[in-house]
Amino acid sequence: MKKLVLTVAAVFAFGFANAQETKFGVKGGLNLADWSGDDADGIDSKIGFHIGGFAEIKVSDKFAVQPELLYSAQGGKADGGKVNVDYINIPVMAKFYATEQFSIEAGPQVGFLMSAKVKPDSGDDVDIKDQLKSTDFGVNVGLGYNFTENVSAGLRYNLGLSNIVDADGADVKNNVFSLSVGYKF
């Protein structure tokens, strides 16, 4: 058993040591966010944004792992106002390059709640952060395209897996379509 564990560890270490290249970059773009679930009736999509950085770690010509750190403005719209919910999201994407330019990606994401406010059409903002859970879990699927060695674009969908409302029996999840552009160094 000890030899098996050491062999597996050596294979992983060798694989990452032999990674062809690692590129760091920045990305940003638009979000189309909404909430789903039994308790999300009356919430419509809201336009937001995301911005942050990433590292693309090429494991082979066809495969890369891309961890990211993103600030993401999410939430939704309802009659009478908007719900603005901001997260620090950490997706870890597995990228398969179908061609040199085109990639298919998927991976998990954890989000950390930074702020949550209801902005009524009239009146002052209402802080609702204490009514939401501090973490959010989801899974991402998407497509990417490299225009050049440095400039890329991506389309991604985040399907929320966890309930974000801090109340027994509540069912509200984040869902976000993202369109982004990125620059690799």
N, C-alpha and C. Protein backbone atom coordinates (compact mmCIF):
# COMPACT_ATOMS: atom_id res chain seq x y z
N MET A 1 0.83 -1.19 0.00
CA MET A 1 0.00 0.00 0.00
C MET A 1 0.87 1.26 0.00
N LYS A 2 1.94 1.22 0.79
CA LYS A 2 2.84 2.37 0.88
C LYS A 2 3.48 2.63 -0.48
N LYS A 3 3.87 1.57 -1.19
CA LYS A 3 4.48 1.73 -2.51
C LYS A 3 3.48 2.31 -3.51
N LEU A 4 2.23 1.88 -3.41
CA LEU A 4 1.20 2.40 -4.31
C LEU A 4 1.01 3.89 -4.10
N VAL A 5 0.92 4.32 -2.85
CA VAL A 5 0.75 5.74 -2.55
C VAL A 5 1.95 6.54 -3.05
N LEU A 6 3.15 6.05 -2.83
CA LEU A 6 4.36 6.74 -3.31
C LEU A 6 4.39 6.80 -4.84
N THR A 7 3.97 5.73 -5.50
CA THR A 7 3.95 5.70 -6.97
C THR A 7 2.96 6.73 -7.50
N VAL A 8 1.75 6.77 -6.93
CA VAL A 8 0.75 7.75 -7.36
C VAL A 8 1.25 9.16 -7.12
N ALA A 9 1.85 9.42 -5.96
CA ALA A 9 2.39 10.75 -5.67
C ALA A 9 3.49 11.13 -6.67
N ALA A 10 4.34 10.17 -7.01
CA ALA A 10 5.41 10.44 -7.98
C ALA A 10 4.85 10.75 -9.36
N VAL A 11 3.82 10.03 -9.78
CA VAL A 11 3.20 10.28 -11.09
C VAL A 11 2.61 11.68 -11.13
N PHE A 12 1.87 12.07 -10.06
CA PHE A 12 1.30 13.42 -10.03
C PHE A 12 2.39 14.48 -10.01
N ALA A 13 3.40 14.29 -9.22
CA ALA A 13 4.50 15.26 -9.14
C ALA A 13 5.20 15.39 -10.48
N PHE A 14 5.45 14.27 -11.14
CA PHE A 14 6.10 14.30 -12.44
C PHE A 14 5.22 15.00 -13.47
N GLY A 15 3.91 14.73 -13.42
CA GLY A 15 2.98 15.35 -14.37
C GLY A 15 2.96 16.86 -14.24
N PHE A 16 2.89 17.37 -12.99
CA PHE A 16 2.87 18.82 -12.81
C PHE A 16 4.24 19.44 -13.07
N ALA A 17 5.31 18.71 -12.76
CA ALA A 17 6.65 19.23 -13.04
C ALA A 17 6.89 19.33 -14.55
N ASN A 18 6.24 18.44 -15.30
CA ASN A 18 6.38 18.43 -16.75
C ASN A 18 5.35 19.30 -17.44
N ALA A 19 4.55 20.05 -16.70
CA ALA A 19 3.56 20.91 -17.33
C ALA A 19 4.27 21.79 -18.34
N GLN A 20 3.69 21.88 -19.54
CA GLN A 20 4.36 22.57 -20.63
C GLN A 20 4.60 24.05 -20.34
N GLU A 21 3.61 24.69 -19.76
CA GLU A 21 3.77 26.10 -19.45
C GLU A 21 2.64 26.57 -18.54
N THR A 22 2.91 27.63 -17.83
CA THR A 22 1.89 28.28 -17.02
C THR A 22 1.84 29.73 -17.43
N LYS A 23 0.64 30.20 -17.74
CA LYS A 23 0.44 31.60 -18.08
C LYS A 23 -0.52 32.20 -17.08
N PHE A 24 -0.20 33.41 -16.67
CA PHE A 24 -1.07 34.15 -15.77
C PHE A 24 -1.80 35.20 -16.59
N GLY A 25 -2.97 35.61 -16.12
CA GLY A 25 -3.72 36.59 -16.87
C GLY A 25 -4.77 37.29 -16.05
N VAL A 26 -5.42 38.24 -16.70
CA VAL A 26 -6.54 38.97 -16.12
C VAL A 26 -7.73 38.80 -17.05
N LYS A 27 -8.93 38.88 -16.46
CA LYS A 27 -10.14 38.76 -17.26
C LYS A 27 -11.24 39.59 -16.64
N GLY A 28 -12.21 39.91 -17.46
CA GLY A 28 -13.38 40.65 -16.99
C GLY A 28 -14.47 40.56 -18.02
N GLY A 29 -15.68 40.91 -17.60
CA GLY A 29 -16.78 40.86 -18.54
C GLY A 29 -18.12 41.06 -17.86
N LEU A 30 -19.16 40.67 -18.59
CA LEU A 30 -20.53 40.87 -18.15
C LEU A 30 -21.14 39.59 -17.60
N ASN A 31 -21.99 39.75 -16.60
CA ASN A 31 -22.79 38.66 -16.03
C ASN A 31 -24.26 38.92 -16.35
N LEU A 32 -24.98 37.85 -16.61
CA LEU A 32 -26.43 37.88 -16.62
C LEU A 32 -26.84 36.92 -15.52
N ALA A 33 -27.19 37.48 -14.36
CA ALA A 33 -27.40 36.69 -13.15
C ALA A 33 -28.88 36.64 -12.78
N ASP A 34 -29.27 35.53 -12.18
CA ASP A 34 -30.61 35.44 -11.59
C ASP A 34 -30.60 34.38 -10.50
N TRP A 35 -31.72 34.23 -9.85
CA TRP A 35 -31.89 33.23 -8.81
C TRP A 35 -32.91 32.22 -9.29
N SER A 36 -32.72 30.97 -8.89
CA SER A 36 -33.69 29.92 -9.20
C SER A 36 -34.05 29.20 -7.91
N GLY A 37 -35.08 28.40 -7.98
CA GLY A 37 -35.52 27.64 -6.82
C GLY A 37 -36.96 27.94 -6.48
N ASP A 38 -37.51 27.16 -5.56
CA ASP A 38 -38.91 27.30 -5.17
C ASP A 38 -39.23 28.66 -4.57
N ASP A 39 -38.27 29.29 -3.93
CA ASP A 39 -38.51 30.57 -3.27
C ASP A 39 -37.96 31.77 -4.05
N ALA A 40 -37.68 31.57 -5.34
CA ALA A 40 -37.12 32.64 -6.16
C ALA A 40 -38.14 33.19 -7.17
N ASP A 41 -39.43 32.90 -6.96
CA ASP A 41 -40.46 33.42 -7.86
C ASP A 41 -40.45 34.94 -7.84
N GLY A 42 -40.62 35.53 -9.01
CA GLY A 42 -40.66 36.98 -9.11
C GLY A 42 -39.30 37.64 -9.25
N ILE A 43 -38.22 36.84 -9.23
CA ILE A 43 -36.87 37.39 -9.41
C ILE A 43 -36.47 37.19 -10.88
N ASP A 44 -36.13 38.28 -11.55
CA ASP A 44 -35.72 38.24 -12.94
C ASP A 44 -34.22 38.46 -13.06
N SER A 45 -33.70 38.26 -14.25
CA SER A 45 -32.27 38.41 -14.51
C SER A 45 -31.81 39.85 -14.33
N LYS A 46 -30.56 39.98 -13.93
CA LYS A 46 -29.93 41.29 -13.71
C LYS A 46 -28.55 41.27 -14.35
N ILE A 47 -28.17 42.36 -14.97
CA ILE A 47 -26.84 42.48 -15.57
C ILE A 47 -25.85 42.96 -14.51
N GLY A 48 -24.72 42.29 -14.44
CA GLY A 48 -23.64 42.65 -13.53
C GLY A 48 -22.32 42.53 -14.25
N PHE A 49 -21.25 42.36 -13.50
CA PHE A 49 -19.93 42.24 -14.10
C PHE A 49 -19.07 41.31 -13.26
N HIS A 50 -17.94 40.91 -13.82
CA HIS A 50 -16.93 40.16 -13.08
C HIS A 50 -15.55 40.63 -13.54
N ILE A 51 -14.59 40.54 -12.62
CA ILE A 51 -13.22 40.94 -12.94
C ILE A 51 -12.28 40.18 -12.01
N GLY A 52 -11.11 39.82 -12.54
CA GLY A 52 -10.16 39.10 -11.70
C GLY A 52 -8.98 38.56 -12.46
N GLY A 53 -8.36 37.54 -11.88
CA GLY A 53 -7.16 36.96 -12.47
C GLY A 53 -7.24 35.45 -12.53
N PHE A 54 -6.31 34.86 -13.28
CA PHE A 54 -6.29 33.41 -13.44
C PHE A 54 -4.87 32.93 -13.74
N ALA A 55 -4.68 31.64 -13.62
CA ALA A 55 -3.45 30.97 -14.04
C ALA A 55 -3.87 29.78 -14.89
N GLU A 56 -3.38 29.74 -16.12
CA GLU A 56 -3.66 28.60 -16.99
C GLU A 56 -2.43 27.70 -16.97
N ILE A 57 -2.61 26.50 -16.43
CA ILE A 57 -1.52 25.54 -16.28
C ILE A 57 -1.70 24.45 -17.32
N LYS A 58 -0.90 24.49 -18.37
CA LYS A 58 -0.99 23.49 -19.44
C LYS A 58 -0.38 22.19 -18.95
N VAL A 59 -1.17 21.13 -18.99
CA VAL A 59 -0.70 19.82 -18.60
C VAL A 59 -0.23 19.05 -19.84
N SER A 60 -0.89 19.31 -20.97
CA SER A 60 -0.51 18.74 -22.26
C SER A 60 -1.00 19.69 -23.34
N ASP A 61 -0.80 19.33 -24.60
CA ASP A 61 -1.28 20.19 -25.69
C ASP A 61 -2.79 20.34 -25.67
N LYS A 62 -3.49 19.33 -25.18
CA LYS A 62 -4.95 19.30 -25.22
C LYS A 62 -5.63 19.61 -23.88
N PHE A 63 -4.88 19.66 -22.78
CA PHE A 63 -5.51 19.78 -21.47
C PHE A 63 -4.80 20.83 -20.61
N ALA A 64 -5.62 21.63 -19.90
CA ALA A 64 -5.09 22.63 -18.98
C ALA A 64 -6.01 22.71 -17.76
N VAL A 65 -5.45 23.16 -16.65
CA VAL A 65 -6.21 23.45 -15.44
C VAL A 65 -6.10 24.95 -15.21
N GLN A 66 -7.25 25.59 -14.93
CA GLN A 66 -7.27 27.04 -14.79
C GLN A 66 -7.98 27.46 -13.50
N PRO A 67 -7.23 27.68 -12.42
CA PRO A 67 -7.84 28.28 -11.23
C PRO A 67 -7.98 29.79 -11.43
N GLU A 68 -9.05 30.35 -10.87
CA GLU A 68 -9.33 31.78 -11.03
C GLU A 68 -9.72 32.40 -9.70
N LEU A 69 -9.57 33.70 -9.60
CA LEU A 69 -10.04 34.47 -8.47
C LEU A 69 -10.79 35.67 -9.05
N LEU A 70 -12.13 35.72 -8.85
CA LEU A 70 -12.97 36.71 -9.51
C LEU A 70 -13.87 37.44 -8.52
N TYR A 71 -13.98 38.75 -8.71
CA TYR A 71 -15.02 39.53 -8.04
C TYR A 71 -16.22 39.51 -8.97
N SER A 72 -17.41 39.14 -8.46
CA SER A 72 -18.57 38.96 -9.31
C SER A 72 -19.80 39.64 -8.73
N ALA A 73 -20.41 40.55 -9.52
CA ALA A 73 -21.65 41.22 -9.13
C ALA A 73 -22.81 40.40 -9.67
N GLN A 74 -23.64 39.89 -8.76
CA GLN A 74 -24.73 38.98 -9.12
C GLN A 74 -26.02 39.50 -8.51
N GLY A 75 -27.05 38.65 -8.45
CA GLY A 75 -28.31 39.03 -7.85
C GLY A 75 -29.47 38.87 -8.79
N GLY A 76 -30.43 39.80 -8.74
CA GLY A 76 -31.60 39.73 -9.59
C GLY A 76 -32.44 40.98 -9.46
N LYS A 77 -33.50 41.05 -10.28
CA LYS A 77 -34.44 42.17 -10.25
C LYS A 77 -35.81 41.65 -9.84
N ALA A 78 -36.53 42.47 -9.11
CA ALA A 78 -37.90 42.16 -8.73
C ALA A 78 -38.72 43.44 -8.85
N ASP A 79 -40.03 43.30 -8.83
CA ASP A 79 -40.88 44.49 -8.84
C ASP A 79 -40.50 45.37 -7.66
N GLY A 80 -40.17 46.60 -7.97
CA GLY A 80 -39.85 47.53 -6.89
C GLY A 80 -38.37 47.71 -6.62
N GLY A 81 -37.49 46.94 -7.29
CA GLY A 81 -36.07 47.14 -7.05
C GLY A 81 -35.17 46.01 -7.50
N LYS A 82 -33.91 46.11 -7.09
CA LYS A 82 -32.89 45.13 -7.45
C LYS A 82 -32.28 44.52 -6.20
N VAL A 83 -31.82 43.28 -6.35
CA VAL A 83 -31.06 42.62 -5.30
C VAL A 83 -29.62 42.55 -5.80
N ASN A 84 -28.71 43.26 -5.15
CA ASN A 84 -27.29 43.29 -5.53
C ASN A 84 -26.51 42.41 -4.56
N VAL A 85 -25.94 41.34 -5.08
CA VAL A 85 -25.19 40.38 -4.27
C VAL A 85 -23.81 40.23 -4.89
N ASP A 86 -22.77 40.52 -4.13
CA ASP A 86 -21.40 40.47 -4.63
C ASP A 86 -20.63 39.33 -3.97
N TYR A 87 -19.86 38.60 -4.78
CA TYR A 87 -19.10 37.45 -4.32
C TYR A 87 -17.64 37.55 -4.76
N ILE A 88 -16.77 36.92 -4.01
CA ILE A 88 -15.44 36.55 -4.48
C ILE A 88 -15.57 35.07 -4.85
N ASN A 89 -15.47 34.78 -6.14
CA ASN A 89 -15.63 33.42 -6.65
C ASN A 89 -14.28 32.81 -6.98
N ILE A 90 -14.15 31.52 -6.67
CA ILE A 90 -12.93 30.77 -6.98
C ILE A 90 -13.32 29.53 -7.79
N PRO A 91 -13.38 29.66 -9.12
CA PRO A 91 -13.61 28.48 -9.94
C PRO A 91 -12.27 27.79 -10.26
N VAL A 92 -12.32 26.48 -10.43
CA VAL A 92 -11.16 25.72 -10.90
C VAL A 92 -11.64 24.94 -12.12
N MET A 93 -11.20 25.39 -13.28
CA MET A 93 -11.71 24.86 -14.53
C MET A 93 -10.74 23.85 -15.15
N ALA A 94 -11.29 22.74 -15.62
CA ALA A 94 -10.55 21.80 -16.46
C ALA A 94 -10.86 22.19 -17.89
N LYS A 95 -9.82 22.46 -18.68
CA LYS A 95 -10.00 22.92 -20.05
C LYS A 95 -9.47 21.87 -21.03
N PHE A 96 -10.33 21.49 -21.96
CA PHE A 96 -9.95 20.57 -23.03
C PHE A 96 -9.89 21.38 -24.33
N TYR A 97 -8.73 21.40 -24.97
CA TYR A 97 -8.56 22.13 -26.22
C TYR A 97 -8.93 21.22 -27.39
N ALA A 98 -10.11 21.48 -27.99
CA ALA A 98 -10.55 20.72 -29.16
C ALA A 98 -9.69 21.09 -30.37
N THR A 99 -9.28 22.36 -30.45
CA THR A 99 -8.33 22.84 -31.43
C THR A 99 -7.33 23.72 -30.68
N GLU A 100 -6.37 24.27 -31.38
CA GLU A 100 -5.39 25.12 -30.72
C GLU A 100 -6.03 26.38 -30.13
N GLN A 101 -7.13 26.85 -30.75
CA GLN A 101 -7.79 28.07 -30.29
C GLN A 101 -9.02 27.81 -29.43
N PHE A 102 -9.76 26.74 -29.66
CA PHE A 102 -11.07 26.50 -29.07
C PHE A 102 -11.00 25.51 -27.91
N SER A 103 -11.55 25.90 -26.75
CA SER A 103 -11.55 25.01 -25.59
C SER A 103 -12.96 24.82 -25.03
N ILE A 104 -13.15 23.66 -24.42
CA ILE A 104 -14.36 23.32 -23.68
C ILE A 104 -13.93 23.20 -22.23
N GLU A 105 -14.69 23.79 -21.31
CA GLU A 105 -14.25 23.82 -19.92
C GLU A 105 -15.38 23.46 -18.96
N ALA A 106 -14.99 22.92 -17.84
CA ALA A 106 -15.95 22.59 -16.78
C ALA A 106 -15.20 22.51 -15.46
N GLY A 107 -15.92 22.81 -14.37
CA GLY A 107 -15.28 22.69 -13.07
C GLY A 107 -16.12 23.27 -11.95
N PRO A 108 -15.73 22.98 -10.72
CA PRO A 108 -16.46 23.47 -9.55
C PRO A 108 -16.11 24.91 -9.23
N GLN A 109 -16.96 25.53 -8.41
CA GLN A 109 -16.72 26.90 -7.97
C GLN A 109 -17.22 27.07 -6.55
N VAL A 110 -16.46 27.79 -5.76
CA VAL A 110 -16.91 28.22 -4.43
C VAL A 110 -16.93 29.75 -4.44
N GLY A 111 -17.97 30.31 -3.84
CA GLY A 111 -18.10 31.76 -3.77
C GLY A 111 -18.22 32.20 -2.33
N PHE A 112 -17.62 33.35 -2.01
CA PHE A 112 -17.68 33.92 -0.67
C PHE A 112 -18.42 35.24 -0.74
N LEU A 113 -19.51 35.34 -0.01
CA LEU A 113 -20.37 36.51 -0.02
C LEU A 113 -19.64 37.73 0.54
N MET A 114 -19.62 38.81 -0.22
CA MET A 114 -18.97 40.06 0.21
C MET A 114 -20.01 41.09 0.67
N SER A 115 -21.09 41.23 -0.10
CA SER A 115 -22.14 42.16 0.28
C SER A 115 -23.46 41.72 -0.35
N ALA A 116 -24.56 42.15 0.27
CA ALA A 116 -25.90 41.83 -0.24
C ALA A 116 -26.84 42.94 0.18
N LYS A 117 -27.41 43.60 -0.82
CA LYS A 117 -28.31 44.72 -0.54
C LYS A 117 -29.50 44.69 -1.50
N VAL A 118 -30.63 45.08 -0.98
CA VAL A 118 -31.80 45.33 -1.81
C VAL A 118 -31.81 46.83 -2.08
N LYS A 119 -31.88 47.17 -3.36
CA LYS A 119 -31.92 48.58 -3.76
C LYS A 119 -33.32 48.86 -4.30
N PRO A 120 -34.19 49.44 -3.48
CA PRO A 120 -35.55 49.74 -3.94
C PRO A 120 -35.54 50.86 -4.98
N ASP A 121 -36.61 50.90 -5.79
CA ASP A 121 -36.71 51.97 -6.79
C ASP A 121 -36.70 53.34 -6.13
N SER A 122 -37.19 53.42 -4.90
CA SER A 122 -37.12 54.67 -4.15
C SER A 122 -36.75 54.34 -2.71
N GLY A 123 -35.99 55.21 -2.09
CA GLY A 123 -35.59 54.97 -0.71
C GLY A 123 -34.16 54.49 -0.60
N ASP A 124 -33.76 54.15 0.62
CA ASP A 124 -32.39 53.74 0.91
C ASP A 124 -32.20 52.24 0.70
N ASP A 125 -30.94 51.85 0.44
CA ASP A 125 -30.60 50.43 0.32
C ASP A 125 -30.84 49.72 1.66
N VAL A 126 -31.20 48.44 1.56
CA VAL A 126 -31.41 47.63 2.75
C VAL A 126 -30.39 46.50 2.73
N ASP A 127 -29.58 46.40 3.77
CA ASP A 127 -28.56 45.35 3.87
C ASP A 127 -29.23 44.03 4.25
N ILE A 128 -29.00 42.99 3.42
CA ILE A 128 -29.59 41.67 3.69
C ILE A 128 -28.51 40.60 3.83
N LYS A 129 -27.27 41.02 4.02
CA LYS A 129 -26.16 40.05 4.09
C LYS A 129 -26.38 39.02 5.20
N ASP A 130 -26.94 39.45 6.33
CA ASP A 130 -27.16 38.51 7.43
C ASP A 130 -28.27 37.49 7.15
N GLN A 131 -29.01 37.67 6.06
CA GLN A 131 -30.06 36.73 5.68
C GLN A 131 -29.57 35.69 4.66
N LEU A 132 -28.34 35.85 4.19
CA LEU A 132 -27.77 34.94 3.19
C LEU A 132 -26.60 34.16 3.78
N LYS A 133 -26.35 32.99 3.22
CA LYS A 133 -25.21 32.18 3.66
C LYS A 133 -23.92 32.79 3.13
N SER A 134 -22.85 32.58 3.86
CA SER A 134 -21.57 33.22 3.51
C SER A 134 -20.84 32.52 2.37
N THR A 135 -21.21 31.28 2.06
CA THR A 135 -20.57 30.57 0.95
C THR A 135 -21.62 30.05 -0.02
N ASP A 136 -21.18 29.91 -1.26
CA ASP A 136 -22.04 29.43 -2.34
C ASP A 136 -21.23 28.42 -3.15
N PHE A 137 -21.85 27.33 -3.51
CA PHE A 137 -21.17 26.31 -4.32
C PHE A 137 -21.92 26.13 -5.64
N GLY A 138 -21.15 25.93 -6.71
CA GLY A 138 -21.74 25.73 -8.02
C GLY A 138 -20.82 24.95 -8.92
N VAL A 139 -21.30 24.69 -10.12
CA VAL A 139 -20.51 24.03 -11.15
C VAL A 139 -20.61 24.87 -12.42
N ASN A 140 -19.48 25.01 -13.09
CA ASN A 140 -19.39 25.80 -14.31
C ASN A 140 -19.20 24.92 -15.54
N VAL A 141 -19.78 25.32 -16.65
CA VAL A 141 -19.49 24.75 -17.96
C VAL A 141 -19.34 25.92 -18.92
N GLY A 142 -18.46 25.77 -19.90
CA GLY A 142 -18.27 26.89 -20.81
C GLY A 142 -17.42 26.56 -22.01
N LEU A 143 -17.21 27.59 -22.81
CA LEU A 143 -16.41 27.54 -24.03
C LEU A 143 -15.42 28.69 -24.01
N GLY A 144 -14.27 28.47 -24.60
CA GLY A 144 -13.27 29.52 -24.69
C GLY A 144 -12.68 29.58 -26.08
N TYR A 145 -12.20 30.75 -26.46
CA TYR A 145 -11.55 30.90 -27.77
C TYR A 145 -10.37 31.84 -27.61
N ASN A 146 -9.20 31.40 -28.08
CA ASN A 146 -7.98 32.22 -28.07
C ASN A 146 -7.83 32.89 -29.43
N PHE A 147 -8.01 34.21 -29.46
CA PHE A 147 -7.83 34.96 -30.70
C PHE A 147 -6.36 35.04 -31.07
N THR A 148 -5.52 35.24 -30.06
CA THR A 148 -4.07 35.26 -30.24
C THR A 148 -3.48 34.47 -29.08
N GLU A 149 -2.17 34.45 -28.98
CA GLU A 149 -1.51 33.78 -27.87
C GLU A 149 -1.86 34.44 -26.53
N ASN A 150 -2.23 35.73 -26.57
CA ASN A 150 -2.49 36.48 -25.34
C ASN A 150 -3.96 36.85 -25.12
N VAL A 151 -4.73 37.04 -26.17
CA VAL A 151 -6.10 37.54 -26.06
C VAL A 151 -7.10 36.41 -26.25
N SER A 152 -8.05 36.33 -25.30
CA SER A 152 -9.05 35.25 -25.36
C SER A 152 -10.43 35.78 -24.98
N ALA A 153 -11.45 34.97 -25.26
CA ALA A 153 -12.82 35.27 -24.87
C ALA A 153 -13.45 33.98 -24.36
N GLY A 154 -14.44 34.12 -23.51
CA GLY A 154 -15.10 32.95 -22.97
C GLY A 154 -16.56 33.17 -22.69
N LEU A 155 -17.34 32.11 -22.78
CA LEU A 155 -18.75 32.09 -22.43
C LEU A 155 -18.93 30.97 -21.43
N ARG A 156 -19.55 31.27 -20.28
CA ARG A 156 -19.64 30.30 -19.20
C ARG A 156 -21.01 30.39 -18.52
N TYR A 157 -21.47 29.23 -18.05
CA TYR A 157 -22.69 29.18 -17.24
C TYR A 157 -22.35 28.57 -15.89
N ASN A 158 -22.74 29.26 -14.82
CA ASN A 158 -22.58 28.75 -13.46
C ASN A 158 -23.94 28.31 -12.95
N LEU A 159 -24.06 27.03 -12.65
CA LEU A 159 -25.27 26.47 -12.08
C LEU A 159 -25.08 26.37 -10.58
N GLY A 160 -25.86 27.14 -9.83
CA GLY A 160 -25.77 27.10 -8.38
C GLY A 160 -26.26 25.76 -7.83
N LEU A 161 -25.49 25.19 -6.92
CA LEU A 161 -25.85 23.91 -6.32
C LEU A 161 -26.35 24.05 -4.88
N SER A 162 -25.98 25.13 -4.22
CA SER A 162 -26.34 25.27 -2.81
C SER A 162 -27.36 26.38 -2.61
N ASN A 163 -28.17 26.20 -1.59
CA ASN A 163 -29.13 27.22 -1.19
C ASN A 163 -28.36 28.40 -0.59
N ILE A 164 -28.68 29.61 -1.04
CA ILE A 164 -27.93 30.78 -0.55
C ILE A 164 -28.65 31.52 0.57
N VAL A 165 -29.93 31.20 0.81
CA VAL A 165 -30.69 31.88 1.86
C VAL A 165 -30.50 31.15 3.18
N ASP A 166 -30.23 31.90 4.23
CA ASP A 166 -29.97 31.33 5.55
C ASP A 166 -31.28 31.19 6.34
N ALA A 167 -32.14 30.28 5.85
CA ALA A 167 -33.41 30.01 6.53
C ALA A 167 -33.77 28.55 6.28
N ASP A 168 -34.31 27.90 7.29
CA ASP A 168 -34.70 26.50 7.16
C ASP A 168 -35.74 26.34 6.06
N GLY A 169 -35.51 25.37 5.18
CA GLY A 169 -36.45 25.05 4.12
C GLY A 169 -36.42 25.97 2.93
N ALA A 170 -35.59 27.00 2.93
CA ALA A 170 -35.53 27.94 1.80
C ALA A 170 -34.84 27.27 0.62
N ASP A 171 -35.24 27.67 -0.60
CA ASP A 171 -34.66 27.12 -1.82
C ASP A 171 -34.41 28.26 -2.82
N VAL A 172 -33.21 28.84 -2.75
CA VAL A 172 -32.79 29.89 -3.68
C VAL A 172 -31.35 29.62 -4.05
N LYS A 173 -31.08 29.60 -5.37
CA LYS A 173 -29.72 29.31 -5.87
C LYS A 173 -29.31 30.38 -6.87
N ASN A 174 -28.00 30.66 -6.91
CA ASN A 174 -27.43 31.57 -7.90
C ASN A 174 -27.25 30.85 -9.23
N ASN A 175 -27.53 31.55 -10.32
CA ASN A 175 -27.23 31.08 -11.67
C ASN A 175 -26.70 32.28 -12.45
N VAL A 176 -25.60 32.07 -13.19
CA VAL A 176 -24.97 33.20 -13.85
C VAL A 176 -24.43 32.78 -15.22
N PHE A 177 -24.83 33.51 -16.27
CA PHE A 177 -24.17 33.42 -17.57
C PHE A 177 -23.11 34.51 -17.58
N SER A 178 -21.89 34.17 -18.02
CA SER A 178 -20.80 35.15 -18.06
C SER A 178 -20.17 35.18 -19.44
N LEU A 179 -19.93 36.38 -19.93
CA LEU A 179 -19.20 36.60 -21.17
C LEU A 179 -17.98 37.42 -20.80
N SER A 180 -16.77 36.90 -21.11
CA SER A 180 -15.57 37.58 -20.64
C SER A 180 -14.51 37.67 -21.73
N VAL A 181 -13.62 38.61 -21.53
CA VAL A 181 -12.40 38.72 -22.35
C VAL A 181 -11.23 38.64 -21.39
N GLY A 182 -10.14 38.07 -21.86
CA GLY A 182 -8.97 37.91 -21.02
C GLY A 182 -7.69 38.22 -21.74
N TYR A 183 -6.67 38.50 -20.94
CA TYR A 183 -5.34 38.76 -21.49
C TYR A 183 -4.34 37.94 -20.69
N LYS A 184 -3.56 37.08 -21.39
CA LYS A 184 -2.53 36.25 -20.76
C LYS A 184 -1.17 36.93 -20.92
N PHE A 185 -0.38 36.86 -19.85
CA PHE A 185 0.97 37.45 -19.88
C PHE A 185 1.99 36.44 -20.32
